[in-house]
Amino acid sequence: GRAMDKPKLVGDIVSNWSRICPERQTVVFASSVAHSIHIKEQFEAIGASVAHIDGTTPKDERDDILSDLAKGRIQIVTNCMVLTEGWDSPAVSCAILARPTKSLGLYLQMAGRVLRPAEGKTDTVLIDHSGAVYE
């Protein structure tokens, strides 16, 4: 978490997303809860509609946030180890890997979250800020 939660790295996440795919529903995988919150705050600073969830987020609040993401009322959700597996939202077409991993399984789980087909969805964007693709 300390290695990834640096102002320049967090700022790069927001500026790259803004340049590459600012219109897409997006999920961000952070390296710690604090990192996820910092990323959320940087997205808020540019006026993006964003929410954060982690393991302490009450289930009903988490469900509301994910429903809002799926319906387009929230554009971005940042998280730490909550949405890596067992979550499905076909409308989401961008994933930001803001956490490193050398685990192929974890990488495939994170990348797979945005590969679900949906009506009108023709592609997906994976923004790797952690070097996971190379690892």
C-alpha atoms as a PDB file:
ATOM      1  CA  GLY A   1       0.000   0.000   0.000  1.00  0.00           C
ATOM      2  CA  ARG A   2       2.745   2.476   0.902  1.00  0.00           C
ATOM      3  CA  ALA A   3       4.577   1.874  -2.369  1.00  0.00           C
ATOM      4  CA  MET A   4       1.514   2.560  -4.526  1.00  0.00           C
ATOM      5  CA  ASP A   5      -0.155   5.335  -2.482  1.00  0.00           C
ATOM      6  CA  LYS A   6       2.049   8.199  -3.658  1.00  0.00           C
ATOM      7  CA  PRO A   7       0.581  11.522  -4.856  1.00  0.00           C
ATOM      8  CA  LYS A   8       2.154  11.280  -8.325  1.00  0.00           C
ATOM      9  CA  LEU A   9       1.024   7.685  -8.848  1.00  0.00           C
ATOM     10  CA  VAL A  10      -2.535   8.447  -7.721  1.00  0.00           C
ATOM     11  CA  GLY A  11      -2.601  11.589  -9.884  1.00  0.00           C
ATOM     12  CA  ASP A  12      -1.395   9.608 -12.890  1.00  0.00           C
ATOM     13  CA  ILE A  13      -4.332   7.224 -12.463  1.00  0.00           C
ATOM     14  CA  VAL A  14      -6.816  10.066 -12.772  1.00  0.00           C
ATOM     15  CA  SER A  15      -5.041  11.868 -15.617  1.00  0.00           C
ATOM     16  CA  ASN A  16      -4.633   8.676 -17.674  1.00  0.00           C
ATOM     17  CA  TRP A  17      -8.263   7.673 -17.147  1.00  0.00           C
ATOM     18  CA  SER A  18      -9.342  11.199 -18.134  1.00  0.00           C
ATOM     19  CA  ARG A  19      -7.291  10.968 -21.319  1.00  0.00           C
ATOM     20  CA  ILE A  20      -8.108   7.372 -22.293  1.00  0.00           C
ATOM     21  CA  CYS A  21     -11.715   6.674 -21.361  1.00  0.00           C
ATOM     22  CA  PRO A  22     -13.517   9.317 -19.288  1.00  0.00           C
ATOM     23  CA  GLU A  23     -16.907   8.190 -20.554  1.00  0.00           C
ATOM     24  CA  ARG A  24     -16.667   4.595 -19.289  1.00  0.00           C
ATOM     25  CA  GLN A  25     -18.081   2.926 -16.226  1.00  0.00           C
ATOM     26  CA  THR A  26     -14.940   2.038 -14.283  1.00  0.00           C
ATOM     27  CA  VAL A  27     -13.736  -0.135 -11.419  1.00  0.00           C
ATOM     28  CA  VAL A  28     -10.440   0.622  -9.678  1.00  0.00           C
ATOM     29  CA  PHE A  29      -8.476  -2.047  -7.812  1.00  0.00           C
ATOM     30  CA  ALA A  30      -6.353  -0.388  -5.116  1.00  0.00           C
ATOM     31  CA  SER A  31      -3.552  -1.777  -2.962  1.00  0.00           C
ATOM     32  CA  SER A  32      -4.995  -0.730   0.416  1.00  0.00           C
ATOM     33  CA  VAL A  33      -8.117   0.872   1.838  1.00  0.00           C
ATOM     34  CA  ALA A  34      -6.294   4.187   2.292  1.00  0.00           C
ATOM     35  CA  HIS A  35      -5.045   3.985  -1.310  1.00  0.00           C
ATOM     36  CA  SER A  36      -8.584   3.364  -2.576  1.00  0.00           C
ATOM     37  CA  ILE A  37      -9.891   6.349  -0.615  1.00  0.00           C
ATOM     38  CA  HIS A  38      -7.105   8.580  -1.933  1.00  0.00           C
ATOM     39  CA  ILE A  39      -7.896   7.542  -5.507  1.00  0.00           C
ATOM     40  CA  LYS A  40     -11.579   8.247  -4.898  1.00  0.00           C
ATOM     41  CA  GLU A  41     -10.730  11.712  -3.566  1.00  0.00           C
ATOM     42  CA  GLN A  42      -8.655  12.503  -6.661  1.00  0.00           C
ATOM     43  CA  PHE A  43     -11.512  11.475  -8.951  1.00  0.00           C
ATOM     44  CA  GLU A  44     -13.883  13.638  -6.892  1.00  0.00           C
ATOM     45  CA  ALA A  45     -11.473  16.564  -7.343  1.00  0.00           C
ATOM     46  CA  ILE A  46     -12.059  16.471 -11.114  1.00  0.00           C
ATOM     47  CA  GLY A  47     -15.829  16.210 -10.671  1.00  0.00           C
ATOM     48  CA  ALA A  48     -16.234  12.505 -11.429  1.00  0.00           C
ATOM     49  CA  SER A  49     -19.048  10.623  -9.735  1.00  0.00           C
ATOM     50  CA  VAL A  50     -17.191   8.048  -7.666  1.00  0.00           C
ATOM     51  CA  ALA A  51     -17.646   5.858  -4.614  1.00  0.00           C
ATOM     52  CA  HIS A  52     -15.341   3.693  -2.528  1.00  0.00           C
ATOM     53  CA  ILE A  53     -16.057   0.305  -0.991  1.00  0.00           C
ATOM     54  CA  ASP A  54     -14.000  -1.990   1.176  1.00  0.00           C
ATOM     55  CA  GLY A  55     -14.547  -4.905   3.532  1.00  0.00           C
ATOM     56  CA  THR A  56     -16.029  -2.658   6.215  1.00  0.00           C
ATOM     57  CA  THR A  57     -18.655  -1.102   3.919  1.00  0.00           C
ATOM     58  CA  PRO A  58     -22.066  -2.305   5.158  1.00  0.00           C
ATOM     59  CA  LYS A  59     -23.689  -4.789   2.770  1.00  0.00           C
ATOM     60  CA  ASP A  60     -26.728  -2.597   2.030  1.00  0.00           C
ATOM     61  CA  GLU A  61     -24.505   0.420   1.278  1.00  0.00           C
ATOM     62  CA  ARG A  62     -22.247  -1.737  -0.901  1.00  0.00           C
ATOM     63  CA  ASP A  63     -25.276  -3.087  -2.780  1.00  0.00           C
ATOM     64  CA  ASP A  64     -26.575   0.463  -3.347  1.00  0.00           C
ATOM     65  CA  ILE A  65     -23.195   1.659  -4.659  1.00  0.00           C
ATOM     66  CA  LEU A  66     -22.846  -1.282  -7.053  1.00  0.00           C
ATOM     67  CA  SER A  67     -26.431  -0.861  -8.233  1.00  0.00           C
ATOM     68  CA  ASP A  68     -25.759   2.824  -8.883  1.00  0.00           C
ATOM     69  CA  LEU A  69     -22.632   1.878 -10.858  1.00  0.00           C
ATOM     70  CA  ALA A  70     -24.548  -0.644 -12.960  1.00  0.00           C
ATOM     71  CA  LYS A  71     -27.300   1.919 -13.666  1.00  0.00           C
ATOM     72  CA  GLY A  72     -24.846   4.695 -14.521  1.00  0.00           C
ATOM     73  CA  ARG A  73     -25.653   6.903 -11.514  1.00  0.00           C
ATOM     74  CA  ILE A  74     -22.044   6.455 -10.351  1.00  0.00           C
ATOM     75  CA  GLN A  75     -19.305   6.213 -12.942  1.00  0.00           C
ATOM     76  CA  ILE A  76     -16.391   4.900 -10.884  1.00  0.00           C
ATOM     77  CA  VAL A  77     -16.019   2.584  -7.904  1.00  0.00           C
ATOM     78  CA  THR A  78     -12.699   2.243  -6.125  1.00  0.00           C
ATOM     79  CA  ASN A  79     -12.139  -0.783  -3.940  1.00  0.00           C
ATOM     80  CA  CYS A  80      -9.617  -2.825  -2.037  1.00  0.00           C
ATOM     81  CA  MET A  81     -10.009  -6.603  -2.282  1.00  0.00           C
ATOM     82  CA  VAL A  82     -13.817  -6.551  -2.526  1.00  0.00           C
ATOM     83  CA  LEU A  83     -14.589  -6.780  -6.240  1.00  0.00           C
ATOM     84  CA  THR A  84     -11.751  -9.044  -7.358  1.00  0.00           C
ATOM     85  CA  GLU A  85     -13.986 -12.091  -7.629  1.00  0.00           C
ATOM     86  CA  GLY A  86     -17.643 -13.019  -7.478  1.00  0.00           C
ATOM     87  CA  TRP A  87     -18.845  -9.651  -8.740  1.00  0.00           C
ATOM     88  CA  ASP A  88     -20.419  -9.088 -12.130  1.00  0.00           C
ATOM     89  CA  SER A  89     -21.461  -5.801 -13.742  1.00  0.00           C
ATOM     90  CA  PRO A  90     -21.438  -6.100 -17.542  1.00  0.00           C
ATOM     91  CA  ALA A  91     -21.926  -2.327 -18.010  1.00  0.00           C
ATOM     92  CA  VAL A  92     -18.461  -1.686 -16.594  1.00  0.00           C
ATOM     93  CA  SER A  93     -15.972  -1.453 -19.449  1.00  0.00           C
ATOM     94  CA  CYS A  94     -12.828  -0.078 -17.812  1.00  0.00           C
ATOM     95  CA  ALA A  95     -10.669  -1.559 -15.062  1.00  0.00           C
ATOM     96  CA  ILE A  96      -7.780   0.273 -13.482  1.00  0.00           C
ATOM     97  CA  LEU A  97      -5.180  -1.952 -11.870  1.00  0.00           C
ATOM     98  CA  ALA A  98      -3.698   0.338  -9.242  1.00  0.00           C
ATOM     99  CA  ARG A  99      -2.316  -2.577  -7.244  1.00  0.00           C
ATOM    100  CA  PRO A 100       0.508  -4.898  -8.212  1.00  0.00           C
ATOM    101  CA  THR A 101       0.230  -8.660  -8.243  1.00  0.00           C
ATOM    102  CA  LYS A 102       2.410 -11.511  -9.368  1.00  0.00           C
ATOM    103  CA  SER A 103      -0.548 -13.890  -9.099  1.00  0.00           C
ATOM    104  CA  LEU A 104      -1.887 -14.835 -12.518  1.00  0.00           C
ATOM    105  CA  GLY A 105      -5.152 -15.916 -10.891  1.00  0.00           C
ATOM    106  CA  LEU A 106      -5.697 -12.562  -9.175  1.00  0.00           C
ATOM    107  CA  TYR A 107      -4.746 -10.673 -12.339  1.00  0.00           C
ATOM    108  CA  LEU A 108      -7.247 -12.709 -14.372  1.00  0.00           C
ATOM    109  CA  GLN A 109      -9.945 -12.142 -11.744  1.00  0.00           C
ATOM    110  CA  MET A 110      -9.465  -8.365 -11.825  1.00  0.00           C
ATOM    111  CA  ALA A 111      -9.238  -8.160 -15.618  1.00  0.00           C
ATOM    112  CA  GLY A 112     -12.192 -10.493 -15.994  1.00  0.00           C
ATOM    113  CA  ARG A 113     -14.513  -8.132 -14.115  1.00  0.00           C
ATOM    114  CA  VAL A 114     -14.765  -5.901 -17.201  1.00  0.00           C
ATOM    115  CA  LEU A 115     -14.806  -8.600 -19.865  1.00  0.00           C
ATOM    116  CA  ARG A 116     -18.446  -9.534 -19.399  1.00  0.00           C
ATOM    117  CA  PRO A 117     -20.501  -8.995 -22.557  1.00  0.00           C
ATOM    118  CA  ALA A 118     -23.334  -6.484 -22.536  1.00  0.00           C
ATOM    119  CA  GLU A 119     -25.664  -5.034 -25.120  1.00  0.00           C
ATOM    120  CA  GLY A 120     -23.849  -2.272 -26.990  1.00  0.00           C
ATOM    121  CA  LYS A 121     -20.504  -3.084 -25.376  1.00  0.00           C
ATOM    122  CA  THR A 122     -17.891  -3.660 -28.051  1.00  0.00           C
ATOM    123  CA  ASP A 123     -14.657  -3.532 -26.086  1.00  0.00           C
ATOM    124  CA  THR A 124     -13.013  -3.031 -22.753  1.00  0.00           C
ATOM    125  CA  VAL A 125     -10.121  -0.933 -21.489  1.00  0.00           C
ATOM    126  CA  LEU A 126      -7.624  -2.207 -18.933  1.00  0.00           C
ATOM    127  CA  ILE A 127      -5.346   0.506 -17.536  1.00  0.00           C
ATOM    128  CA  ASP A 128      -2.420  -1.086 -15.709  1.00  0.00           C
ATOM    129  CA  HIS A 129      -0.762   1.301 -13.268  1.00  0.00           C
ATOM    130  CA  SER A 130       0.972  -1.460 -11.348  1.00  0.00           C
ATOM    131  CA  GLY A 131       3.008  -3.440 -13.870  1.00  0.00           C
ATOM    132  CA  ALA A 132       0.788  -6.506 -13.358  1.00  0.00           C
ATOM    133  CA  VAL A 133       0.717  -7.223 -17.091  1.00  0.00           C
ATOM    134  CA  TYR A 134       4.491  -7.556 -17.088  1.00  0.00           C
ATOM    135  CA  GLU A 135       4.633  -9.605 -13.895  1.00  0.00           C
END
